[in-house]
PDB file of N, CA and C in Angstrom:
ATOM      1  N   MET A   1      -8.232 -16.809  -7.554  1.00  0.00           N
ATOM      2  CA  MET A   1      -7.190 -15.809  -7.334  1.00  0.00           C
ATOM      3  C   MET A   1      -7.648 -14.436  -7.834  1.00  0.00           C
ATOM      4  N   ALA A   2      -8.405 -14.409  -8.919  1.00  0.00           N
ATOM      5  CA  ALA A   2      -8.893 -13.133  -9.444  1.00  0.00           C
ATOM      6  C   ALA A   2      -9.827 -12.475  -8.430  1.00  0.00           C
ATOM      7  N   THR A   3     -10.703 -13.276  -7.818  1.00  0.00           N
ATOM      8  CA  THR A   3     -11.634 -12.724  -6.834  1.00  0.00           C
ATOM      9  C   THR A   3     -10.874 -12.161  -5.640  1.00  0.00           C
ATOM     10  N   TYR A   4      -9.877 -12.906  -5.160  1.00  0.00           N
ATOM     11  CA  TYR A   4      -9.032 -12.447  -4.057  1.00  0.00           C
ATOM     12  C   TYR A   4      -8.391 -11.100  -4.409  1.00  0.00           C
ATOM     13  N   THR A   5      -7.834 -11.016  -5.600  1.00  0.00           N
ATOM     14  CA  THR A   5      -7.154  -9.799  -6.045  1.00  0.00           C
ATOM     15  C   THR A   5      -8.128  -8.629  -6.116  1.00  0.00           C
ATOM     16  N   LEU A   6      -9.305  -8.860  -6.639  1.00  0.00           N
ATOM     17  CA  LEU A   6     -10.304  -7.792  -6.742  1.00  0.00           C
ATOM     18  C   LEU A   6     -10.817  -7.363  -5.368  1.00  0.00           C
ATOM     19  N   ILE A   7     -10.944  -8.289  -4.452  1.00  0.00           N
ATOM     20  CA  ILE A   7     -11.367  -7.945  -3.089  1.00  0.00           C
ATOM     21  C   ILE A   7     -10.310  -7.077  -2.416  1.00  0.00           C
ATOM     22  N   ILE A   8      -9.051  -7.482  -2.514  1.00  0.00           N
ATOM     23  CA  ILE A   8      -7.962  -6.687  -1.929  1.00  0.00           C
ATOM     24  C   ILE A   8      -7.926  -5.305  -2.572  1.00  0.00           C
ATOM     25  N   ALA A   9      -8.096  -5.244  -3.884  1.00  0.00           N
ATOM     26  CA  ALA A   9      -8.091  -3.956  -4.585  1.00  0.00           C
ATOM     27  C   ALA A   9      -9.182  -3.037  -4.058  1.00  0.00           C
ATOM     28  N   THR A  10     -10.375  -3.575  -3.859  1.00  0.00           N
ATOM     29  CA  THR A  10     -11.466  -2.723  -3.374  1.00  0.00           C
ATOM     30  C   THR A  10     -11.268  -2.319  -1.921  1.00  0.00           C
ATOM     31  N   ILE A  11     -10.700  -3.194  -1.129  1.00  0.00           N
ATOM     32  CA  ILE A  11     -10.396  -2.824   0.271  1.00  0.00           C
ATOM     33  C   ILE A  11      -9.340  -1.731   0.293  1.00  0.00           C
ATOM     34  N   PHE A  12      -8.266  -1.912  -0.488  1.00  0.00           N
ATOM     35  CA  PHE A  12      -7.225  -0.885  -0.555  1.00  0.00           C
ATOM     36  C   PHE A  12      -7.791   0.438  -1.066  1.00  0.00           C
ATOM     37  N   GLY A  13      -8.573   0.377  -2.125  1.00  0.00           N
ATOM     38  CA  GLY A  13      -9.112   1.607  -2.713  1.00  0.00           C
ATOM     39  C   GLY A  13     -10.063   2.334  -1.780  1.00  0.00           C
ATOM     40  N   SER A  14     -10.985   1.610  -1.188  1.00  0.00           N
ATOM     41  CA  SER A  14     -11.960   2.270  -0.301  1.00  0.00           C
ATOM     42  C   SER A  14     -11.296   2.822   0.948  1.00  0.00           C
ATOM     43  N   THR A  15     -10.366   2.079   1.545  1.00  0.00           N
ATOM     44  CA  THR A  15      -9.702   2.615   2.737  1.00  0.00           C
ATOM     45  C   THR A  15      -8.770   3.778   2.389  1.00  0.00           C
ATOM     46  N   ALA A  16      -8.191   3.773   1.192  1.00  0.00           N
ATOM     47  CA  ALA A  16      -7.358   4.915   0.778  1.00  0.00           C
ATOM     48  C   ALA A  16      -8.212   6.172   0.656  1.00  0.00           C
ATOM     49  N   ILE A  17      -9.397   6.036   0.109  1.00  0.00           N
ATOM     50  CA  ILE A  17     -10.286   7.197  -0.006  1.00  0.00           C
ATOM     51  C   ILE A  17     -10.709   7.684   1.377  1.00  0.00           C
ATOM     52  N   ILE A  18     -11.062   6.766   2.255  1.00  0.00           N
ATOM     53  CA  ILE A  18     -11.463   7.137   3.616  1.00  0.00           C
ATOM     54  C   ILE A  18     -10.314   7.838   4.339  1.00  0.00           C
ATOM     55  N   LEU A  19      -9.124   7.235   4.296  1.00  0.00           N
ATOM     56  CA  LEU A  19      -7.966   7.828   4.976  1.00  0.00           C
ATOM     57  C   LEU A  19      -7.579   9.162   4.353  1.00  0.00           C
ATOM     58  N   GLY A  20      -7.678   9.254   3.029  1.00  0.00           N
ATOM     59  CA  GLY A  20      -7.384  10.522   2.358  1.00  0.00           C
ATOM     60  C   GLY A  20      -8.340  11.617   2.781  1.00  0.00           C
ATOM     61  N   ALA A  21      -9.603  11.274   2.914  1.00  0.00           N
ATOM     62  CA  ALA A  21     -10.598  12.261   3.361  1.00  0.00           C
ATOM     63  C   ALA A  21     -10.332  12.682   4.797  1.00  0.00           C
ATOM     64  N   PHE A  22     -10.031  11.715   5.652  1.00  0.00           N
ATOM     65  CA  PHE A  22      -9.691  12.066   7.037  1.00  0.00           C
ATOM     66  C   PHE A  22      -8.445  12.929   7.081  1.00  0.00           C
ATOM     67  N   GLY A  23      -7.469  12.599   6.241  1.00  0.00           N
ATOM     68  CA  GLY A  23      -6.232  13.379   6.195  1.00  0.00           C
ATOM     69  C   GLY A  23      -6.470  14.807   5.758  1.00  0.00           C
ATOM     70  N   ALA A  24      -7.370  14.983   4.809  1.00  0.00           N
ATOM     71  CA  ALA A  24      -7.642  16.325   4.291  1.00  0.00           C
ATOM     72  C   ALA A  24      -8.448  17.170   5.267  1.00  0.00           C
ATOM     73  N   HIS A  25      -9.152  16.532   6.176  1.00  0.00           N
ATOM     74  CA  HIS A  25     -10.043  17.292   7.062  1.00  0.00           C
ATOM     75  C   HIS A  25      -9.675  17.139   8.547  1.00  0.00           C
ATOM     76  N   ALA A  26      -9.861  15.980   9.105  1.00  0.00           N
ATOM     77  CA  ALA A  26      -9.702  15.811  10.557  1.00  0.00           C
ATOM     78  C   ALA A  26      -8.251  15.633  10.993  1.00  0.00           C
ATOM     79  N   ILE A  27      -7.494  14.839  10.256  1.00  0.00           N
ATOM     80  CA  ILE A  27      -6.145  14.494  10.699  1.00  0.00           C
ATOM     81  C   ILE A  27      -5.205  15.687  10.659  1.00  0.00           C
ATOM     82  N   LYS A  28      -5.408  16.589   9.710  1.00  0.00           N
ATOM     83  CA  LYS A  28      -4.481  17.723   9.594  1.00  0.00           C
ATOM     84  C   LYS A  28      -4.505  18.613  10.826  1.00  0.00           C
ATOM     85  N   LYS A  29      -5.528  18.479  11.654  1.00  0.00           N
ATOM     86  CA  LYS A  29      -5.592  19.242  12.901  1.00  0.00           C
ATOM     87  C   LYS A  29      -4.832  18.552  14.030  1.00  0.00           C
ATOM     88  N   LEU A  30      -4.488  17.274  13.814  1.00  0.00           N
ATOM     89  CA  LEU A  30      -3.874  16.498  14.886  1.00  0.00           C
ATOM     90  C   LEU A  30      -2.368  16.343  14.762  1.00  0.00           C
ATOM     91  N   ILE A  31      -1.865  16.301  13.536  1.00  0.00           N
ATOM     92  CA  ILE A  31      -0.440  16.041  13.342  1.00  0.00           C
ATOM     93  C   ILE A  31       0.202  17.179  12.553  1.00  0.00           C
ATOM     94  N   SER A  32       1.511  17.231  12.611  1.00  0.00           N
ATOM     95  CA  SER A  32       2.247  18.302  11.930  1.00  0.00           C
ATOM     96  C   SER A  32       2.129  18.178  10.415  1.00  0.00           C
ATOM     97  N   ALA A  33       2.452  19.238   9.729  1.00  0.00           N
ATOM     98  CA  ALA A  33       2.400  19.238   8.259  1.00  0.00           C
ATOM     99  C   ALA A  33       3.358  18.201   7.682  1.00  0.00           C
ATOM    100  N   GLU A  34       4.511  18.038   8.293  1.00  0.00           N
ATOM    101  CA  GLU A  34       5.484  17.049   7.837  1.00  0.00           C
ATOM    102  C   GLU A  34       4.931  15.631   7.979  1.00  0.00           C
ATOM    103  N   LYS A  35       4.321  15.341   9.114  1.00  0.00           N
ATOM    104  CA  LYS A  35       3.727  14.014   9.341  1.00  0.00           C
ATOM    105  C   LYS A  35       2.539  13.793   8.413  1.00  0.00           C
ATOM    106  N   LEU A  36       1.770  14.845   8.162  1.00  0.00           N
ATOM    107  CA  LEU A  36       0.632  14.741   7.250  1.00  0.00           C
ATOM    108  C   LEU A  36       1.116  14.430   5.831  1.00  0.00           C
ATOM    109  N   ALA A  37       2.210  15.038   5.430  1.00  0.00           N
ATOM    110  CA  ALA A  37       2.771  14.762   4.104  1.00  0.00           C
ATOM    111  C   ALA A  37       3.183  13.290   3.996  1.00  0.00           C
ATOM    112  N   SER A  38       3.777  12.747   5.044  1.00  0.00           N
ATOM    113  CA  SER A  38       4.140  11.326   5.059  1.00  0.00           C
ATOM    114  C   SER A  38       2.889  10.459   4.988  1.00  0.00           C
ATOM    115  N   PHE A  39       1.888  10.817   5.772  1.00  0.00           N
ATOM    116  CA  PHE A  39       0.617  10.104   5.780  1.00  0.00           C
ATOM    117  C   PHE A  39       0.032  10.056   4.368  1.00  0.00           C
ATOM    118  N   GLU A  40       0.078  11.185   3.678  1.00  0.00           N
ATOM    119  CA  GLU A  40      -0.470  11.267   2.319  1.00  0.00           C
ATOM    120  C   GLU A  40       0.309  10.397   1.329  1.00  0.00           C
ATOM    121  N   VAL A  41       1.605  10.222   1.563  1.00  0.00           N
ATOM    122  CA  VAL A  41       2.396   9.316   0.722  1.00  0.00           C
ATOM    123  C   VAL A  41       1.870   7.889   0.886  1.00  0.00           C
ATOM    124  N   GLY A  42       1.603   7.494   2.121  1.00  0.00           N
ATOM    125  CA  GLY A  42       1.047   6.166   2.371  1.00  0.00           C
ATOM    126  C   GLY A  42      -0.284   5.974   1.670  1.00  0.00           C
ATOM    127  N   VAL A  43      -1.142   6.987   1.730  1.00  0.00           N
ATOM    128  CA  VAL A  43      -2.451   6.921   1.068  1.00  0.00           C
ATOM    129  C   VAL A  43      -2.276   6.816  -0.447  1.00  0.00           C
ATOM    130  N   ARG A  44      -1.381   7.614  -0.988  1.00  0.00           N
ATOM    131  CA  ARG A  44      -1.173   7.634  -2.441  1.00  0.00           C
ATOM    132  C   ARG A  44      -0.685   6.271  -2.943  1.00  0.00           C
ATOM    133  N   TYR A  45       0.319   5.695  -2.256  1.00  0.00           N
ATOM    134  CA  TYR A  45       0.837   4.398  -2.689  1.00  0.00           C
ATOM    135  C   TYR A  45      -0.200   3.303  -2.492  1.00  0.00           C
ATOM    136  N   GLN A  46      -1.027   3.411  -1.481  1.00  0.00           N
ATOM    137  CA  GLN A  46      -2.089   2.443  -1.288  1.00  0.00           C
ATOM    138  C   GLN A  46      -3.084   2.508  -2.447  1.00  0.00           C
ATOM    139  N   MET A  47      -3.399   3.720  -2.903  1.00  0.00           N
ATOM    140  CA  MET A  47      -4.318   3.860  -4.029  1.00  0.00           C
ATOM    141  C   MET A  47      -3.685   3.359  -5.319  1.00  0.00           C
ATOM    142  N   TYR A  48      -2.392   3.624  -5.516  1.00  0.00           N
ATOM    143  CA  TYR A  48      -1.708   3.081  -6.693  1.00  0.00           C
ATOM    144  C   TYR A  48      -1.836   1.553  -6.712  1.00  0.00           C
ATOM    145  N   ALA A  49      -1.596   0.944  -5.561  1.00  0.00           N
ATOM    146  CA  ALA A  49      -1.687  -0.513  -5.464  1.00  0.00           C
ATOM    147  C   ALA A  49      -3.111  -0.983  -5.730  1.00  0.00           C
ATOM    148  N   ALA A  50      -4.096  -0.255  -5.215  1.00  0.00           N
ATOM    149  CA  ALA A  50      -5.497  -0.628  -5.438  1.00  0.00           C
ATOM    150  C   ALA A  50      -5.815  -0.633  -6.925  1.00  0.00           C
ATOM    151  N   LEU A  51      -5.403   0.397  -7.626  1.00  0.00           N
ATOM    152  CA  LEU A  51      -5.678   0.487  -9.062  1.00  0.00           C
ATOM    153  C   LEU A  51      -4.954  -0.613  -9.836  1.00  0.00           C
ATOM    154  N   LEU A  52      -3.702  -0.843  -9.480  1.00  0.00           N
ATOM    155  CA  LEU A  52      -2.942  -1.893 -10.145  1.00  0.00           C
ATOM    156  C   LEU A  52      -3.589  -3.260  -9.909  1.00  0.00           C
ATOM    157  N   LEU A  53      -3.945  -3.553  -8.666  1.00  0.00           N
ATOM    158  CA  LEU A  53      -4.549  -4.849  -8.366  1.00  0.00           C
ATOM    159  C   LEU A  53      -5.906  -5.008  -9.053  1.00  0.00           C
ATOM    160  N   LEU A  54      -6.622  -3.930  -9.177  1.00  0.00           N
ATOM    161  CA  LEU A  54      -7.902  -3.973  -9.887  1.00  0.00           C
ATOM    162  C   LEU A  54      -7.681  -4.377 -11.352  1.00  0.00           C
ATOM    163  N   ILE A  55      -6.714  -3.753 -11.975  1.00  0.00           N
ATOM    164  CA  ILE A  55      -6.387  -4.089 -13.367  1.00  0.00           C
ATOM    165  C   ILE A  55      -5.933  -5.543 -13.471  1.00  0.00           C
ATOM    166  N   LEU A  56      -5.049  -5.953 -12.573  1.00  0.00           N
ATOM    167  CA  LEU A  56      -4.537  -7.324 -12.625  1.00  0.00           C
ATOM    168  C   LEU A  56      -5.636  -8.344 -12.389  1.00  0.00           C
ATOM    169  N   GLY A  57      -6.549  -8.031 -11.475  1.00  0.00           N
ATOM    170  CA  GLY A  57      -7.647  -8.946 -11.193  1.00  0.00           C
ATOM    171  C   GLY A  57      -8.523  -9.203 -12.398  1.00  0.00           C
ATOM    172  N   PHE A  58      -8.654  -8.205 -13.258  1.00  0.00           N
ATOM    173  CA  PHE A  58      -9.457  -8.366 -14.465  1.00  0.00           C
ATOM    174  C   PHE A  58      -8.667  -8.929 -15.650  1.00  0.00           C
ATOM    175  N   GLN A  59      -7.352  -8.731 -15.652  1.00  0.00           N
ATOM    176  CA  GLN A  59      -6.553  -9.091 -16.823  1.00  0.00           C
ATOM    177  C   GLN A  59      -5.824 -10.428 -16.714  1.00  0.00           C
ATOM    178  N   PHE A  60      -5.388 -10.800 -15.523  1.00  0.00           N
ATOM    179  CA  PHE A  60      -4.570 -12.005 -15.379  1.00  0.00           C
ATOM    180  C   PHE A  60      -5.436 -13.243 -15.196  1.00  0.00           C
ATOM    181  N   ASN A  61      -4.918 -14.370 -15.670  1.00  0.00           N
ATOM    182  CA  ASN A  61      -5.571 -15.646 -15.383  1.00  0.00           C
ATOM    183  C   ASN A  61      -4.886 -16.354 -14.212  1.00  0.00           C
ATOM    184  N   PHE A  62      -3.770 -15.817 -13.751  1.00  0.00           N
ATOM    185  CA  PHE A  62      -3.018 -16.273 -12.582  1.00  0.00           C
ATOM    186  C   PHE A  62      -2.514 -17.705 -12.719  1.00  0.00           C
ATOM    187  N   GLU A  63      -2.213 -18.095 -13.946  1.00  0.00           N
ATOM    188  CA  GLU A  63      -1.657 -19.424 -14.173  1.00  0.00           C
ATOM    189  C   GLU A  63      -0.146 -19.451 -13.959  1.00  0.00           C
ATOM    190  N   SER A  64       0.509 -18.315 -14.122  1.00  0.00           N
ATOM    191  CA  SER A  64       1.965 -18.301 -13.962  1.00  0.00           C
ATOM    192  C   SER A  64       2.345 -17.846 -12.551  1.00  0.00           C
ATOM    193  N   PHE A  65       3.501 -18.351 -12.128  1.00  0.00           N
ATOM    194  CA  PHE A  65       4.023 -17.997 -10.811  1.00  0.00           C
ATOM    195  C   PHE A  65       4.255 -16.495 -10.695  1.00  0.00           C
ATOM    196  N   SER A  66       4.776 -15.880 -11.756  1.00  0.00           N
ATOM    197  CA  SER A  66       5.097 -14.450 -11.689  1.00  0.00           C
ATOM    198  C   SER A  66       3.837 -13.599 -11.529  1.00  0.00           C
ATOM    199  N   GLU A  67       2.723 -14.014 -12.098  1.00  0.00           N
ATOM    200  CA  GLU A  67       1.463 -13.280 -11.926  1.00  0.00           C
ATOM    201  C   GLU A  67       0.986 -13.354 -10.486  1.00  0.00           C
ATOM    202  N   ARG A  68       1.059 -14.538  -9.897  1.00  0.00           N
ATOM    203  CA  ARG A  68       0.651 -14.705  -8.487  1.00  0.00           C
ATOM    204  C   ARG A  68       1.625 -13.985  -7.555  1.00  0.00           C
ATOM    205  N   LEU A  69       2.919 -14.083  -7.856  1.00  0.00           N
ATOM    206  CA  LEU A  69       3.929 -13.406  -7.042  1.00  0.00           C
ATOM    207  C   LEU A  69       3.701 -11.896  -7.049  1.00  0.00           C
ATOM    208  N   ALA A  70       3.360 -11.348  -8.196  1.00  0.00           N
ATOM    209  CA  ALA A  70       3.111  -9.907  -8.291  1.00  0.00           C
ATOM    210  C   ALA A  70       1.999  -9.496  -7.338  1.00  0.00           C
ATOM    211  N   VAL A  71       0.913 -10.239  -7.325  1.00  0.00           N
ATOM    212  CA  VAL A  71      -0.213  -9.895  -6.451  1.00  0.00           C
ATOM    213  C   VAL A  71       0.180 -10.030  -4.982  1.00  0.00           C
ATOM    214  N   TYR A  72       0.830 -11.130  -4.636  1.00  0.00           N
ATOM    215  CA  TYR A  72       1.201 -11.342  -3.231  1.00  0.00           C
ATOM    216  C   TYR A  72       2.184 -10.290  -2.720  1.00  0.00           C
ATOM    217  N   THR A  73       3.195  -9.973  -3.521  1.00  0.00           N
ATOM    218  CA  THR A  73       4.200  -9.015  -3.046  1.00  0.00           C
ATOM    219  C   THR A  73       3.676  -7.579  -3.061  1.00  0.00           C
ATOM    220  N   ILE A  74       2.864  -7.241  -4.034  1.00  0.00           N
ATOM    221  CA  ILE A  74       2.292  -5.889  -4.051  1.00  0.00           C
ATOM    222  C   ILE A  74       1.329  -5.722  -2.885  1.00  0.00           C
ATOM    223  N   THR A  75       0.544  -6.753  -2.606  1.00  0.00           N
ATOM    224  CA  THR A  75      -0.396  -6.688  -1.481  1.00  0.00           C
ATOM    225  C   THR A  75       0.343  -6.572  -0.154  1.00  0.00           C
ATOM    226  N   SER A  76       1.264  -7.495   0.095  1.00  0.00           N
ATOM    227  CA  SER A  76       1.977  -7.463   1.377  1.00  0.00           C
ATOM    228  C   SER A  76       2.867  -6.234   1.488  1.00  0.00           C
ATOM    229  N   GLY A  77       3.492  -5.836   0.396  1.00  0.00           N
ATOM    230  CA  GLY A  77       4.335  -4.641   0.420  1.00  0.00           C
ATOM    231  C   GLY A  77       3.543  -3.386   0.721  1.00  0.00           C
ATOM    232  N   THR A  78       2.359  -3.284   0.148  1.00  0.00           N
ATOM    233  CA  THR A  78       1.513  -2.110   0.399  1.00  0.00           C
ATOM    234  C   THR A  78       1.069  -2.060   1.852  1.00  0.00           C
ATOM    235  N   ILE A  79       0.705  -3.207   2.389  1.00  0.00           N
ATOM    236  CA  ILE A  79       0.298  -3.239   3.805  1.00  0.00           C
ATOM    237  C   ILE A  79       1.451  -2.787   4.689  1.00  0.00           C
ATOM    238  N   LEU A  80       2.629  -3.348   4.471  1.00  0.00           N
ATOM    239  CA  LEU A  80       3.784  -2.973   5.300  1.00  0.00           C
ATOM    240  C   LEU A  80       4.166  -1.514   5.091  1.00  0.00           C
ATOM    241  N   PHE A  81       4.234  -1.081   3.844  1.00  0.00           N
ATOM    242  CA  PHE A  81       4.658   0.273   3.529  1.00  0.00           C
ATOM    243  C   PHE A  81       3.665   1.299   4.080  1.00  0.00           C
ATOM    244  N   SER A  82       2.428   1.207   3.649  1.00  0.00           N
ATOM    245  CA  SER A  82       1.448   2.236   4.002  1.00  0.00           C
ATOM    246  C   SER A  82       1.095   2.207   5.483  1.00  0.00           C
ATOM    247  N   CYS A  83       0.856   1.024   6.032  1.00  0.00           N
ATOM    248  CA  CYS A  83       0.469   0.961   7.450  1.00  0.00           C
ATOM    249  C   CYS A  83       1.585   1.450   8.365  1.00  0.00           C
ATOM    250  N   SER A  84       2.832   1.120   8.035  1.00  0.00           N
ATOM    251  CA  SER A  84       3.930   1.610   8.878  1.00  0.00           C
ATOM    252  C   SER A  84       4.002   3.132   8.816  1.00  0.00           C
ATOM    253  N   ILE A  85       3.765   3.717   7.639  1.00  0.00           N
ATOM    254  CA  ILE A  85       3.752   5.176   7.518  1.00  0.00           C
ATOM    255  C   ILE A  85       2.599   5.763   8.325  1.00  0.00           C
ATOM    256  N   TYR A  86       1.431   5.136   8.268  1.00  0.00           N
ATOM    257  CA  TYR A  86       0.287   5.645   9.027  1.00  0.00           C
ATOM    258  C   TYR A  86       0.597   5.672  10.522  1.00  0.00           C
ATOM    259  N   PHE A  87       1.130   4.563  11.030  1.00  0.00           N
ATOM    260  CA  PHE A  87       1.445   4.503  12.454  1.00  0.00           C
ATOM    261  C   PHE A  87       2.562   5.474  12.829  1.00  0.00           C
ATOM    262  N   LEU A  88       3.596   5.559  12.000  1.00  0.00           N
ATOM    263  CA  LEU A  88       4.693   6.488  12.290  1.00  0.00           C
ATOM    264  C   LEU A  88       4.216   7.941  12.257  1.00  0.00           C
ATOM    265  N   SER A  89       3.253   8.241  11.408  1.00  0.00           N
ATOM    266  CA  SER A  89       2.719   9.603  11.336  1.00  0.00           C
ATOM    267  C   SER A  89       2.019  10.002  12.629  1.00  0.00           C
ATOM    268  N   PHE A  90       1.437   9.026  13.318  1.00  0.00           N
ATOM    269  CA  PHE A  90       0.689   9.314  14.543  1.00  0.00           C
ATOM    270  C   PHE A  90       1.482   9.045  15.819  1.00  0.00           C
ATOM    271  N   ALA A  91       2.694   8.544  15.703  1.00  0.00           N
ATOM    272  CA  ALA A  91       3.473   8.186  16.891  1.00  0.00           C
ATOM    273  C   ALA A  91       3.628   9.355  17.853  1.00  0.00           C
ATOM    274  N   GLU A  92       3.949  10.511  17.326  1.00  0.00           N
ATOM    275  CA  GLU A  92       4.138  11.694  18.172  1.00  0.00           C
ATOM    276  C   GLU A  92       2.828  12.094  18.843  1.00  0.00           C
ATOM    277  N   TYR A  93       1.752  12.082  18.105  1.00  0.00           N
ATOM    278  CA  TYR A  93       0.439  12.445  18.641  1.00  0.00           C
ATOM    279  C   TYR A  93       0.010  11.469  19.733  1.00  0.00           C
ATOM    280  N   TRP A  94       0.258  10.179  19.511  1.00  0.00           N
ATOM    281  CA  TRP A  94      -0.098   9.162  20.494  1.00  0.00           C
ATOM    282  C   TRP A  94       0.904   9.094  21.642  1.00  0.00           C
ATOM    283  N   LYS A  95       2.029   9.814  21.488  1.00  0.00           N
ATOM    284  CA  LYS A  95       3.119   9.784  22.464  1.00  0.00           C
ATOM    285  C   LYS A  95       3.638   8.350  22.675  1.00  0.00           C
ATOM    286  N   LYS A  96       3.850   7.684  21.548  1.00  0.00           N
ATOM    287  CA  LYS A  96       4.355   6.310  21.542  1.00  0.00           C
ATOM    288  C   LYS A  96       5.640   6.248  20.735  1.00  0.00           C
ATOM    289  N   ASN A  97       6.553   5.440  21.186  1.00  0.00           N
ATOM    290  CA  ASN A  97       7.791   5.222  20.454  1.00  0.00           C
ATOM    291  C   ASN A  97       7.570   4.080  19.466  1.00  0.00           C
ATOM    292  N   LEU A  98       7.356   4.414  18.223  1.00  0.00           N
ATOM    293  CA  LEU A  98       7.117   3.423  17.186  1.00  0.00           C
ATOM    294  C   LEU A  98       8.263   3.375  16.186  1.00  0.00           C
ATOM    295  N   LYS A  99       9.440   3.791  16.625  1.00  0.00           N
ATOM    296  CA  LYS A  99      10.594   3.834  15.722  1.00  0.00           C
ATOM    297  C   LYS A  99      10.950   2.453  15.172  1.00  0.00           C
ATOM    298  N   PHE A 100      10.548   1.394  15.863  1.00  0.00           N
ATOM    299  CA  PHE A 100      10.820   0.051  15.372  1.00  0.00           C
ATOM    300  C   PHE A 100      10.119  -0.202  14.036  1.00  0.00           C
ATOM    301  N   LEU A 101       9.115   0.617  13.722  1.00  0.00           N
ATOM    302  CA  LEU A 101       8.424   0.475  12.437  1.00  0.00           C
ATOM    303  C   LEU A 101       9.214   1.095  11.287  1.00  0.00           C
ATOM    304  N   GLY A 102      10.219   1.901  11.605  1.00  0.00           N
ATOM    305  CA  GLY A 102      11.017   2.561  10.564  1.00  0.00           C
ATOM    306  C   GLY A 102      11.563   1.616   9.509  1.00  0.00           C
ATOM    307  N   PRO A 103      12.165   0.479   9.884  1.00  0.00           N
ATOM    308  CA  PRO A 103      12.682  -0.448   8.876  1.00  0.00           C
ATOM    309  C   PRO A 103      11.584  -1.196   8.101  1.00  0.00           C
ATOM    310  N   ILE A 104      10.376  -1.191   8.617  1.00  0.00           N
ATOM    311  CA  ILE A 104       9.280  -1.893   7.949  1.00  0.00           C
ATOM    312  C   ILE A 104       8.896  -1.172   6.649  1.00  0.00           C
ATOM    313  N   THR A 105       8.958   0.155   6.662  1.00  0.00           N
ATOM    314  CA  THR A 105       8.558   0.930   5.483  1.00  0.00           C
ATOM    315  C   THR A 105       9.386   0.567   4.251  1.00  0.00           C
ATOM    316  N   PRO A 106      10.721   0.579   4.320  1.00  0.00           N
ATOM    317  CA  PRO A 106      11.483   0.201   3.124  1.00  0.00           C
ATOM    318  C   PRO A 106      11.317  -1.275   2.749  1.00  0.00           C
ATOM    319  N   LEU A 107      11.068  -2.136   3.724  1.00  0.00           N
ATOM    320  CA  LEU A 107      10.809  -3.535   3.409  1.00  0.00           C
ATOM    321  C   LEU A 107       9.527  -3.647   2.575  1.00  0.00           C
ATOM    322  N   GLY A 108       8.505  -2.890   2.956  1.00  0.00           N
ATOM    323  CA  GLY A 108       7.278  -2.857   2.163  1.00  0.00           C
ATOM    324  C   GLY A 108       7.535  -2.328   0.762  1.00  0.00           C
ATOM    325  N   GLY A 109       8.350  -1.283   0.674  1.00  0.00           N
ATOM    326  CA  GLY A 109       8.705  -0.735  -0.633  1.00  0.00           C
ATOM    327  C   GLY A 109       9.449  -1.751  -1.484  1.00  0.00           C
ATOM    328  N   LEU A 110      10.349  -2.506  -0.863  1.00  0.00           N
ATOM    329  CA  LEU A 110      11.090  -3.544  -1.581  1.00  0.00           C
ATOM    330  C   LEU A 110      10.142  -4.611  -2.111  1.00  0.00           C
ATOM    331  N   LEU A 111       9.181  -5.004  -1.303  1.00  0.00           N
ATOM    332  CA  LEU A 111       8.207  -5.998  -1.764  1.00  0.00           C
ATOM    333  C   LEU A 111       7.392  -5.467  -2.944  1.00  0.00           C
ATOM    334  N   MET A 112       7.039  -4.194  -2.907  1.00  0.00           N
ATOM    335  CA  MET A 112       6.304  -3.620  -4.035  1.00  0.00           C
ATOM    336  C   MET A 112       7.170  -3.615  -5.298  1.00  0.00           C
ATOM    337  N   ILE A 113       8.451  -3.307  -5.151  1.00  0.00           N
ATOM    338  CA  ILE A 113       9.372  -3.331  -6.292  1.00  0.00           C
ATOM    339  C   ILE A 113       9.478  -4.746  -6.849  1.00  0.00           C
ATOM    340  N   ILE A 114       9.558  -5.733  -5.970  1.00  0.00           N
ATOM    341  CA  ILE A 114       9.605  -7.127  -6.422  1.00  0.00           C
ATOM    342  C   ILE A 114       8.328  -7.463  -7.192  1.00  0.00           C
ATOM    343  N   GLY A 115       7.201  -6.948  -6.711  1.00  0.00           N
ATOM    344  CA  GLY A 115       5.937  -7.167  -7.418  1.00  0.00           C
ATOM    345  C   GLY A 115       5.959  -6.590  -8.819  1.00  0.00           C
ATOM    346  N   TRP A 116       6.483  -5.394  -8.954  1.00  0.00           N
ATOM    347  CA  TRP A 116       6.590  -4.776 -10.290  1.00  0.00           C
ATOM    348  C   TRP A 116       7.562  -5.576 -11.159  1.00  0.00           C
ATOM    349  N   GLY A 117       8.625  -6.083 -10.554  1.00  0.00           N
ATOM    350  CA  GLY A 117       9.555  -6.927 -11.298  1.00  0.00           C
ATOM    351  C   GLY A 117       8.891  -8.227 -11.766  1.00  0.00           C
ATOM    352  N   ALA A 118       8.068  -8.795 -10.906  1.00  0.00           N
ATOM    353  CA  ALA A 118       7.331 -10.012 -11.284  1.00  0.00           C
ATOM    354  C   ALA A 118       6.376  -9.710 -12.433  1.00  0.00           C
ATOM    355  N   LEU A 119       5.789  -8.525 -12.424  1.00  0.00           N
ATOM    356  CA  LEU A 119       4.935  -8.115 -13.540  1.00  0.00           C
ATOM    357  C   LEU A 119       5.735  -8.054 -14.830  1.00  0.00           C
ATOM    358  N   LEU A 120       6.908  -7.470 -14.762  1.00  0.00           N
ATOM    359  CA  LEU A 120       7.772  -7.388 -15.941  1.00  0.00           C
ATOM    360  C   LEU A 120       8.063  -8.787 -16.481  1.00  0.00           C
ATOM    361  N   VAL A 121       8.401  -9.707 -15.583  1.00  0.00           N
ATOM    362  CA  VAL A 121       8.692 -11.078 -15.999  1.00  0.00           C
ATOM    363  C   VAL A 121       7.471 -11.690 -16.671  1.00  0.00           C
ATOM    364  N   SER A 122       6.286 -11.467 -16.104  1.00  0.00           N
ATOM    365  CA  SER A 122       5.079 -12.059 -16.702  1.00  0.00           C
ATOM    366  C   SER A 122       4.786 -11.454 -18.071  1.00  0.00           C
ATOM    367  N   PHE A 123       5.137 -10.210 -18.279  1.00  0.00           N
ATOM    368  CA  PHE A 123       4.903  -9.577 -19.577  1.00  0.00           C
ATOM    369  C   PHE A 123       5.897 -10.039 -20.629  1.00  0.00           C
ATOM    370  N   ILE A 124       7.126 -10.328 -20.195  1.00  0.00           N
ATOM    371  CA  ILE A 124       8.170 -10.760 -21.119  1.00  0.00           C
ATOM    372  C   ILE A 124       7.916 -12.187 -21.605  1.00  0.00           C
ATOM    373  N   LYS A 125       7.351 -13.012 -20.741  1.00  0.00           N
ATOM    374  CA  LYS A 125       7.103 -14.428 -21.110  1.00  0.00           C
ATOM    375  C   LYS A 125       6.124 -14.555 -22.211  1.00  0.00           C
TER     376      LYS A 125
END
C-alpha cells in the first residue's frame, strides 16, 4: 500500500507541475482568465494531494482502515475534483457542452474532505 501511495503521489506531483507549466505559458493563450484561474485551482489541489500522499506513503503502515480510507478517498477525490475542473476549463475552447461534469467537482471535494476526516480518525486512535 505504501508503494501504491508513493506512485500516486509522484504521478499527481509530476502532472501538476506539467499542467502548471502549460497553464503559465501555453494554456493562458487559449482560455479566458477566469477559466485559467479555475484550471490553476485544480493544479493547486492536485499538488496538495501529491504532497499529502507522499507524506502518508512514508509515514503510514496502512494497518488501519482509516489510513487506507484516507489514501483511497484523497486519490479518487483529487482525480474527480481536478480532472473535472480541467475539462470544464477547456469546454468553451473545445466548443463542447461538459456541464454534466459540474456536479463531479464537489463530489471530488467531498471525497477529499472524507479523506482528511479519515486522517483525523487515524491520528486520534
